[in-house]
Amino acid sequence: MIKGINQQGRYITVTGGMPNQPYISPGAQSAGMIRYNTNMHCVEVYDGNGWQMIGNNYASVGLSPEAENILDWAAEQRNRYQTIERLAKDNVTVADALQAVHDAEEKLHAVYILTKDAK
């Protein structure tokens, strides 16, 4: 059972659901009803007298530091590229340099394809 999501991570979004609302037998509280308690971050069952936490062994979900680093790097590269593209619209020199980079990347990719299996 997953008790909670590590919401300290920058790349996880959880939406939907009905926090603190019963998911089984909605209506007046009765024994057997189940809900997720967002304050305690746990699943609870109603025993007829009160809400009881289900088990205390659980898994947590989150991204590893390496995954967050990769996503940070990708976002930084995207932002840098978007800035360069905006500059290229108003500056011919930047546009020429950007085209040269694109051409060089295409050549490098072609060389990679031709040589990747030649060992």
Protein backbone atom coordinates (compact mmCIF):
# COMPACT_ATOMS: atom_id res chain seq x y z
CA MET A 1 0.00 0.00 0.00
CA ILE A 2 1.25 3.50 -0.76
CA LYS A 3 0.66 5.80 2.16
CA GLY A 4 1.91 8.99 0.62
CA ILE A 5 3.76 10.72 -2.15
CA ASN A 6 6.97 12.57 -1.37
CA GLN A 7 5.64 16.03 -2.13
CA GLN A 8 9.03 17.59 -1.42
CA GLY A 9 10.05 16.57 -4.93
CA ARG A 10 9.81 19.28 -7.56
CA TYR A 11 8.46 17.09 -10.36
CA ILE A 12 5.53 15.19 -8.85
CA THR A 13 1.99 16.52 -9.07
CA VAL A 14 -0.93 14.71 -7.51
CA THR A 15 -4.44 15.88 -8.37
CA GLY A 16 -7.96 14.65 -7.93
CA GLY A 17 -9.53 12.53 -5.28
CA MET A 18 -11.63 13.64 -2.38
CA PRO A 19 -9.35 14.26 0.63
CA ASN A 20 -10.82 13.17 3.95
CA GLN A 21 -13.98 11.89 2.26
CA PRO A 22 -15.12 8.27 2.40
CA TYR A 23 -14.55 6.26 -0.77
CA ILE A 24 -16.77 3.31 0.13
CA SER A 25 -20.42 3.58 1.19
CA PRO A 26 -20.66 7.38 1.04
CA GLY A 27 -23.21 8.89 3.40
CA ALA A 28 -23.47 8.48 7.14
CA GLN A 29 -20.41 6.91 8.71
CA SER A 30 -20.74 3.19 9.12
CA ALA A 31 -18.37 0.34 9.87
CA GLY A 32 -16.22 -0.62 6.87
CA MET A 33 -16.00 2.81 5.25
CA ILE A 34 -12.54 3.70 3.94
CA ARG A 35 -10.96 7.11 3.34
CA TYR A 36 -7.57 8.74 2.82
CA ASN A 37 -6.69 11.18 5.58
CA THR A 38 -4.65 13.99 4.00
CA ASN A 39 -3.70 15.44 7.40
CA MET A 40 -2.19 12.18 8.65
CA HIS A 41 -1.22 10.95 5.15
CA CYS A 42 -2.73 7.52 5.68
CA VAL A 43 -5.63 5.29 4.73
CA GLU A 44 -8.24 4.86 7.45
CA VAL A 45 -11.19 2.54 8.01
CA TYR A 46 -14.21 3.36 10.14
CA ASP A 47 -14.75 0.65 12.77
CA GLY A 48 -18.16 1.87 13.89
CA ASN A 49 -16.75 4.04 16.67
CA GLY A 50 -13.98 6.03 14.98
CA TRP A 51 -11.48 6.18 12.13
CA GLN A 52 -8.56 3.76 12.51
CA MET A 53 -5.30 3.93 10.54
CA ILE A 54 -4.73 0.84 8.39
CA GLY A 55 -1.34 -0.69 9.07
CA ASN A 56 1.86 1.21 9.63
CA ASN A 57 4.04 -0.43 6.98
CA TYR A 58 3.82 1.48 3.75
CA ALA A 59 5.74 2.61 0.72
CA SER A 60 6.48 6.20 -0.25
CA VAL A 61 6.80 7.41 -3.82
CA GLY A 62 9.25 10.05 -4.98
CA LEU A 63 11.98 10.73 -7.52
CA SER A 64 15.58 9.85 -6.86
CA PRO A 65 18.11 12.70 -6.56
CA GLU A 66 19.60 11.57 -9.88
CA ALA A 67 16.21 11.80 -11.62
CA GLU A 68 15.68 15.28 -10.18
CA ASN A 69 19.17 16.30 -11.35
CA ILE A 70 18.42 15.03 -14.87
CA LEU A 71 15.12 16.91 -14.97
CA ASP A 72 16.82 20.06 -13.64
CA TRP A 73 19.46 19.76 -16.37
CA ALA A 74 16.82 19.22 -19.07
CA ALA A 75 14.83 22.25 -17.89
CA GLU A 76 17.98 24.37 -17.86
CA GLN A 77 18.87 23.26 -21.40
CA ARG A 78 15.34 23.98 -22.61
CA ASN A 79 15.36 27.45 -21.05
CA ARG A 80 18.77 28.21 -22.55
CA TYR A 81 17.66 27.03 -25.99
CA GLN A 82 14.44 29.07 -25.81
CA THR A 83 16.44 32.18 -24.90
CA ILE A 84 18.80 31.64 -27.83
CA GLU A 85 15.86 31.15 -30.21
CA ARG A 86 14.29 34.42 -29.02
CA LEU A 87 17.59 36.23 -29.53
CA ALA A 88 17.95 34.71 -33.00
CA LYS A 89 14.66 36.29 -34.10
CA ASP A 90 16.08 39.79 -33.58
CA ASN A 91 19.78 39.25 -34.22
CA VAL A 92 21.12 37.93 -37.54
CA THR A 93 24.49 36.97 -36.02
CA VAL A 94 22.79 34.84 -33.35
CA ALA A 95 20.53 33.30 -36.04
CA ASP A 96 23.57 32.42 -38.18
CA ALA A 97 25.38 30.90 -35.20
CA LEU A 98 22.30 28.89 -34.25
CA GLN A 99 22.00 27.55 -37.81
CA ALA A 100 25.69 26.60 -37.72
CA VAL A 101 25.08 24.67 -34.49
CA HIS A 102 22.12 22.85 -36.07
CA ASP A 103 24.21 21.97 -39.13
CA ALA A 104 27.08 20.72 -36.94
CA GLU A 105 24.67 18.60 -34.85
CA GLU A 106 23.26 17.00 -38.01
CA LYS A 107 26.77 16.18 -39.25
CA LEU A 108 27.77 14.78 -35.86
CA HIS A 109 24.63 12.63 -35.76
CA ALA A 110 25.36 11.30 -39.27
CA VAL A 111 28.94 10.41 -38.27
CA TYR A 112 27.64 8.73 -35.12
CA ILE A 113 25.16 6.62 -37.11
CA LEU A 114 27.85 5.60 -39.59
CA THR A 115 30.44 4.70 -36.94
CA LYS A 116 28.47 3.42 -33.94
CA ASP A 117 28.60 -0.21 -35.05
CA ALA A 118 32.08 -0.10 -36.58
CA LYS A 119 34.34 -1.34 -33.78
